[in-house]
């Protein structure tokens, strides 16, 4: 199955590069770009093998009947990838992390 990112998710990932630099989480643009690219590749390569969980009701604003998986990128940050299975694809509808959405994940 292929992985398709919603246009708004692609925009959020692009903006993440700027946030990582502005908030000084990562020091250089090449490092921030690499971080985001690695996250995308990790999702594309591993979404099918990760344990998926039913998304909490709070996240239905991004779509109905969604699942989510987690990626532990470092000791401080866990990414949550919310998606639907549409025909033969994983349709990624929203991406967040424990800093922004951790309180809504049970």
N, C-alpha and C. Protein backbone atom coordinates (compact mmCIF):
# COMPACT_ATOMS: atom_id res chain seq x y z
N UNK A 1 0.85 -1.19 0.00
CA UNK A 1 0.00 0.00 0.00
C UNK A 1 0.89 1.24 0.00
N UNK A 2 0.44 2.26 -0.69
CA UNK A 2 1.23 3.49 -0.74
C UNK A 2 0.77 4.46 0.34
N UNK A 3 1.61 5.45 0.60
CA UNK A 3 1.34 6.47 1.61
C UNK A 3 1.11 7.79 0.87
N UNK A 4 -0.03 8.42 1.16
CA UNK A 4 -0.38 9.70 0.56
C UNK A 4 -0.57 10.71 1.70
N UNK A 5 0.07 11.86 1.56
CA UNK A 5 -0.05 12.92 2.56
C UNK A 5 -1.08 13.95 2.08
N UNK A 6 -2.00 14.33 2.95
CA UNK A 6 -2.95 15.40 2.63
C UNK A 6 -2.15 16.68 2.37
N UNK A 7 -2.64 17.53 1.48
CA UNK A 7 -1.92 18.78 1.18
C UNK A 7 -1.61 19.61 2.43
N UNK A 8 -2.55 19.66 3.37
CA UNK A 8 -2.29 20.44 4.59
C UNK A 8 -1.20 19.81 5.45
N UNK A 9 -1.03 18.50 5.39
CA UNK A 9 0.05 17.84 6.12
C UNK A 9 1.38 18.19 5.46
N UNK A 10 1.41 18.18 4.14
CA UNK A 10 2.64 18.58 3.44
C UNK A 10 3.03 20.00 3.82
N UNK A 11 2.05 20.91 3.90
CA UNK A 11 2.32 22.29 4.31
C UNK A 11 2.85 22.35 5.73
N UNK A 12 2.23 21.58 6.63
CA UNK A 12 2.68 21.55 8.03
C UNK A 12 4.12 21.06 8.13
N UNK A 13 4.47 20.05 7.36
CA UNK A 13 5.84 19.52 7.40
C UNK A 13 6.84 20.54 6.87
N UNK A 14 6.45 21.25 5.82
CA UNK A 14 7.32 22.30 5.29
C UNK A 14 7.50 23.40 6.34
N UNK A 15 6.42 23.80 7.00
CA UNK A 15 6.49 24.83 8.03
C UNK A 15 7.28 24.35 9.26
N UNK A 16 7.28 23.05 9.50
CA UNK A 16 8.04 22.50 10.62
C UNK A 16 9.52 22.84 10.50
N UNK A 17 10.03 22.89 9.31
CA UNK A 17 11.44 23.24 9.11
C UNK A 17 11.70 24.62 9.70
N UNK A 18 10.82 25.57 9.40
CA UNK A 18 10.96 26.94 9.92
C UNK A 18 10.84 26.97 11.44
N UNK A 19 9.88 26.22 11.97
CA UNK A 19 9.67 26.20 13.43
C UNK A 19 10.91 25.64 14.13
N UNK A 20 11.48 24.60 13.60
CA UNK A 20 12.66 23.99 14.21
C UNK A 20 13.83 24.98 14.28
N UNK A 21 13.95 25.82 13.28
CA UNK A 21 15.00 26.83 13.27
C UNK A 21 14.65 28.01 14.18
N UNK A 22 13.43 28.55 14.02
CA UNK A 22 13.02 29.73 14.79
C UNK A 22 13.06 29.50 16.29
N UNK A 23 12.63 28.32 16.72
CA UNK A 23 12.59 28.02 18.15
C UNK A 23 13.91 27.43 18.64
N UNK A 24 14.87 27.35 17.73
CA UNK A 24 16.23 26.89 18.03
C UNK A 24 16.27 25.45 18.55
N UNK A 25 15.33 24.62 18.04
CA UNK A 25 15.39 23.19 18.36
C UNK A 25 16.51 22.53 17.57
N UNK A 26 16.70 23.00 16.35
CA UNK A 26 17.79 22.53 15.50
C UNK A 26 18.51 23.76 14.97
N UNK A 27 19.81 23.67 14.86
CA UNK A 27 20.61 24.86 14.60
C UNK A 27 20.74 25.32 13.16
N UNK A 28 20.58 24.43 12.20
CA UNK A 28 20.81 24.83 10.82
C UNK A 28 19.68 24.33 9.92
N UNK A 29 19.52 25.01 8.79
CA UNK A 29 18.51 24.57 7.84
C UNK A 29 18.79 23.17 7.31
N UNK A 30 20.03 22.84 6.95
CA UNK A 30 20.26 21.46 6.46
C UNK A 30 19.85 20.41 7.50
N UNK A 31 20.12 20.68 8.77
CA UNK A 31 19.77 19.71 9.81
C UNK A 31 18.25 19.63 9.97
N UNK A 32 17.57 20.78 9.93
CA UNK A 32 16.10 20.80 10.06
C UNK A 32 15.45 20.10 8.86
N UNK A 33 15.96 20.37 7.67
CA UNK A 33 15.43 19.72 6.47
C UNK A 33 15.64 18.21 6.55
N UNK A 34 16.81 17.79 6.98
CA UNK A 34 17.10 16.37 7.12
C UNK A 34 16.18 15.71 8.15
N UNK A 35 15.92 16.40 9.25
CA UNK A 35 15.03 15.88 10.29
C UNK A 35 13.64 15.61 9.71
N UNK A 36 13.10 16.58 8.98
CA UNK A 36 11.76 16.44 8.40
C UNK A 36 11.76 15.37 7.31
N UNK A 37 12.78 15.36 6.47
CA UNK A 37 12.86 14.33 5.43
C UNK A 37 12.94 12.93 6.03
N UNK A 38 13.71 12.78 7.10
CA UNK A 38 13.81 11.48 7.78
C UNK A 38 12.46 11.05 8.35
N UNK A 39 11.72 11.99 8.90
CA UNK A 39 10.39 11.69 9.43
C UNK A 39 9.48 11.19 8.31
N UNK A 40 9.50 11.87 7.18
CA UNK A 40 8.67 11.47 6.03
C UNK A 40 9.05 10.08 5.54
N UNK A 41 10.33 9.83 5.38
CA UNK A 41 10.79 8.51 4.90
C UNK A 41 10.41 7.43 5.90
N UNK A 42 10.58 7.72 7.18
CA UNK A 42 10.23 6.75 8.22
C UNK A 42 8.74 6.39 8.13
N UNK A 43 7.90 7.39 7.94
CA UNK A 43 6.46 7.14 7.81
C UNK A 43 6.20 6.28 6.58
N UNK A 44 6.77 6.68 5.45
CA UNK A 44 6.53 5.95 4.20
C UNK A 44 6.99 4.50 4.27
N UNK A 45 8.10 4.26 4.92
CA UNK A 45 8.66 2.91 4.95
C UNK A 45 8.08 2.02 6.05
N UNK A 46 7.56 2.63 7.11
CA UNK A 46 7.20 1.81 8.27
C UNK A 46 5.74 1.88 8.71
N UNK A 47 4.93 2.69 8.07
CA UNK A 47 3.55 2.85 8.52
C UNK A 47 2.80 1.51 8.50
N UNK A 48 3.11 0.68 7.55
CA UNK A 48 2.39 -0.60 7.43
C UNK A 48 2.76 -1.60 8.51
N UNK A 49 3.94 -1.46 9.10
CA UNK A 49 4.39 -2.45 10.08
C UNK A 49 4.23 -1.99 11.52
N UNK A 50 3.90 -0.74 11.73
CA UNK A 50 3.72 -0.22 13.09
C UNK A 50 2.36 -0.64 13.64
N UNK A 51 2.28 -0.74 14.96
CA UNK A 51 1.02 -1.03 15.63
C UNK A 51 0.12 0.20 15.53
N UNK A 52 -1.02 0.04 14.87
CA UNK A 52 -1.93 1.17 14.74
C UNK A 52 -2.99 1.10 15.82
N UNK A 53 -3.36 2.28 16.29
CA UNK A 53 -4.39 2.40 17.32
C UNK A 53 -5.49 3.30 16.80
N UNK A 54 -6.69 3.11 17.30
CA UNK A 54 -7.82 3.95 16.93
C UNK A 54 -7.57 5.37 17.46
N UNK A 55 -7.75 6.36 16.59
CA UNK A 55 -7.51 7.75 16.99
C UNK A 55 -8.57 8.20 17.99
N UNK A 56 -8.17 8.94 19.02
CA UNK A 56 -9.13 9.49 19.97
C UNK A 56 -10.13 10.42 19.28
N UNK A 57 -11.31 10.54 19.86
CA UNK A 57 -12.39 11.35 19.30
C UNK A 57 -11.92 12.78 19.04
N UNK A 58 -11.08 13.32 19.88
CA UNK A 58 -10.60 14.69 19.72
C UNK A 58 -10.08 14.95 18.30
N UNK A 59 -9.49 13.97 17.67
CA UNK A 59 -8.86 14.15 16.37
C UNK A 59 -9.80 13.94 15.19
N UNK A 60 -11.08 13.69 15.46
CA UNK A 60 -12.04 13.51 14.36
C UNK A 60 -12.21 14.78 13.54
N UNK A 61 -11.75 15.90 14.04
CA UNK A 61 -11.80 17.15 13.26
C UNK A 61 -10.95 17.04 11.99
N UNK A 62 -10.04 16.07 11.96
CA UNK A 62 -9.18 15.87 10.79
C UNK A 62 -9.68 14.74 9.89
N UNK A 63 -10.66 13.99 10.36
CA UNK A 63 -11.23 12.90 9.57
C UNK A 63 -11.85 11.86 10.47
N UNK A 64 -12.77 11.12 9.91
CA UNK A 64 -13.46 10.06 10.66
C UNK A 64 -12.73 8.73 10.46
N UNK A 65 -12.96 7.81 11.39
CA UNK A 65 -12.41 6.45 11.32
C UNK A 65 -10.90 6.45 11.08
N UNK A 66 -10.21 7.26 11.85
CA UNK A 66 -8.76 7.32 11.71
C UNK A 66 -8.06 6.43 12.72
N UNK A 67 -6.84 6.14 12.37
CA UNK A 67 -5.91 5.43 13.24
C UNK A 67 -4.70 6.33 13.45
N UNK A 68 -3.87 5.95 14.41
CA UNK A 68 -2.60 6.66 14.54
C UNK A 68 -1.50 5.70 14.92
N UNK A 69 -0.30 6.11 14.60
CA UNK A 69 0.91 5.39 14.99
C UNK A 69 1.85 6.42 15.62
N UNK A 70 2.84 5.94 16.33
CA UNK A 70 3.79 6.85 16.96
C UNK A 70 5.20 6.59 16.45
N UNK A 71 5.99 7.64 16.47
CA UNK A 71 7.41 7.57 16.15
C UNK A 71 8.17 8.31 17.24
N UNK A 72 9.06 7.62 17.89
CA UNK A 72 9.90 8.24 18.92
C UNK A 72 11.16 8.73 18.20
N UNK A 73 11.24 10.04 17.97
CA UNK A 73 12.37 10.60 17.22
C UNK A 73 13.57 10.87 18.11
N UNK A 74 13.34 11.18 19.37
CA UNK A 74 14.42 11.36 20.34
C UNK A 74 13.83 11.22 21.73
N UNK A 75 14.61 11.48 22.75
CA UNK A 75 14.13 11.29 24.12
C UNK A 75 13.00 12.24 24.50
N UNK A 76 12.89 13.37 23.79
CA UNK A 76 11.91 14.39 24.16
C UNK A 76 10.68 14.44 23.27
N UNK A 77 10.76 13.87 22.07
CA UNK A 77 9.68 14.07 21.10
C UNK A 77 9.16 12.75 20.53
N UNK A 78 7.86 12.58 20.66
CA UNK A 78 7.14 11.48 20.01
C UNK A 78 6.20 12.11 18.99
N UNK A 79 6.25 11.63 17.77
CA UNK A 79 5.36 12.11 16.71
C UNK A 79 4.17 11.18 16.60
N UNK A 80 2.99 11.77 16.40
CA UNK A 80 1.76 11.03 16.18
C UNK A 80 1.33 11.25 14.74
N UNK A 81 1.13 10.17 14.02
CA UNK A 81 0.74 10.23 12.61
C UNK A 81 -0.67 9.66 12.51
N UNK A 82 -1.62 10.52 12.12
CA UNK A 82 -3.03 10.14 12.03
C UNK A 82 -3.38 9.88 10.57
N UNK A 83 -4.05 8.77 10.31
CA UNK A 83 -4.32 8.39 8.93
C UNK A 83 -5.59 7.58 8.81
N UNK A 84 -6.08 7.54 7.60
CA UNK A 84 -7.19 6.67 7.23
C UNK A 84 -6.67 5.69 6.20
N UNK A 85 -7.32 4.56 6.12
CA UNK A 85 -7.00 3.61 5.06
C UNK A 85 -8.07 3.79 3.99
N UNK A 86 -7.65 4.27 2.84
CA UNK A 86 -8.56 4.58 1.73
C UNK A 86 -8.13 3.72 0.54
N UNK A 87 -9.01 2.79 0.18
CA UNK A 87 -8.73 1.84 -0.89
C UNK A 87 -7.39 1.17 -0.64
N UNK A 88 -6.40 1.42 -1.47
CA UNK A 88 -5.10 0.76 -1.32
C UNK A 88 -4.03 1.70 -0.78
N UNK A 89 -4.44 2.71 0.00
CA UNK A 89 -3.48 3.72 0.47
C UNK A 89 -3.68 4.06 1.94
N UNK A 90 -2.58 4.45 2.55
CA UNK A 90 -2.63 5.10 3.86
C UNK A 90 -2.70 6.59 3.57
N UNK A 91 -3.78 7.25 3.97
CA UNK A 91 -3.97 8.67 3.72
C UNK A 91 -3.68 9.43 5.01
N UNK A 92 -2.50 10.05 5.09
CA UNK A 92 -2.08 10.76 6.28
C UNK A 92 -2.81 12.10 6.33
N UNK A 93 -3.60 12.28 7.40
CA UNK A 93 -4.46 13.46 7.52
C UNK A 93 -3.93 14.51 8.50
N UNK A 94 -3.08 14.07 9.43
CA UNK A 94 -2.61 15.01 10.44
C UNK A 94 -1.38 14.42 11.11
N UNK A 95 -0.44 15.30 11.42
CA UNK A 95 0.76 14.90 12.17
C UNK A 95 0.94 15.90 13.30
N UNK A 96 1.21 15.37 14.48
CA UNK A 96 1.46 16.22 15.64
C UNK A 96 2.51 15.55 16.51
N UNK A 97 2.83 16.18 17.63
CA UNK A 97 3.77 15.56 18.55
C UNK A 97 3.30 15.70 19.99
N UNK A 98 4.02 15.08 20.88
CA UNK A 98 3.63 15.07 22.29
C UNK A 98 3.63 16.47 22.89
N UNK A 99 4.40 17.39 22.35
CA UNK A 99 4.44 18.75 22.87
C UNK A 99 3.14 19.50 22.57
N UNK A 100 2.53 19.21 21.42
CA UNK A 100 1.31 19.92 21.00
C UNK A 100 0.04 19.15 21.32
N UNK A 101 0.09 17.83 21.22
CA UNK A 101 -1.14 17.04 21.34
C UNK A 101 -1.07 15.89 22.34
N UNK A 102 -0.01 15.79 23.07
CA UNK A 102 0.17 14.66 23.97
C UNK A 102 -0.94 14.49 24.98
N UNK A 103 -1.54 15.60 25.42
CA UNK A 103 -2.60 15.52 26.42
C UNK A 103 -3.86 14.86 25.89
N UNK A 104 -4.02 14.78 24.56
CA UNK A 104 -5.23 14.18 23.96
C UNK A 104 -5.07 12.71 23.63
N UNK A 105 -3.86 12.19 23.81
CA UNK A 105 -3.60 10.77 23.55
C UNK A 105 -3.67 10.04 24.87
N UNK A 106 -4.52 9.04 24.95
CA UNK A 106 -4.68 8.30 26.22
C UNK A 106 -3.69 7.19 26.33
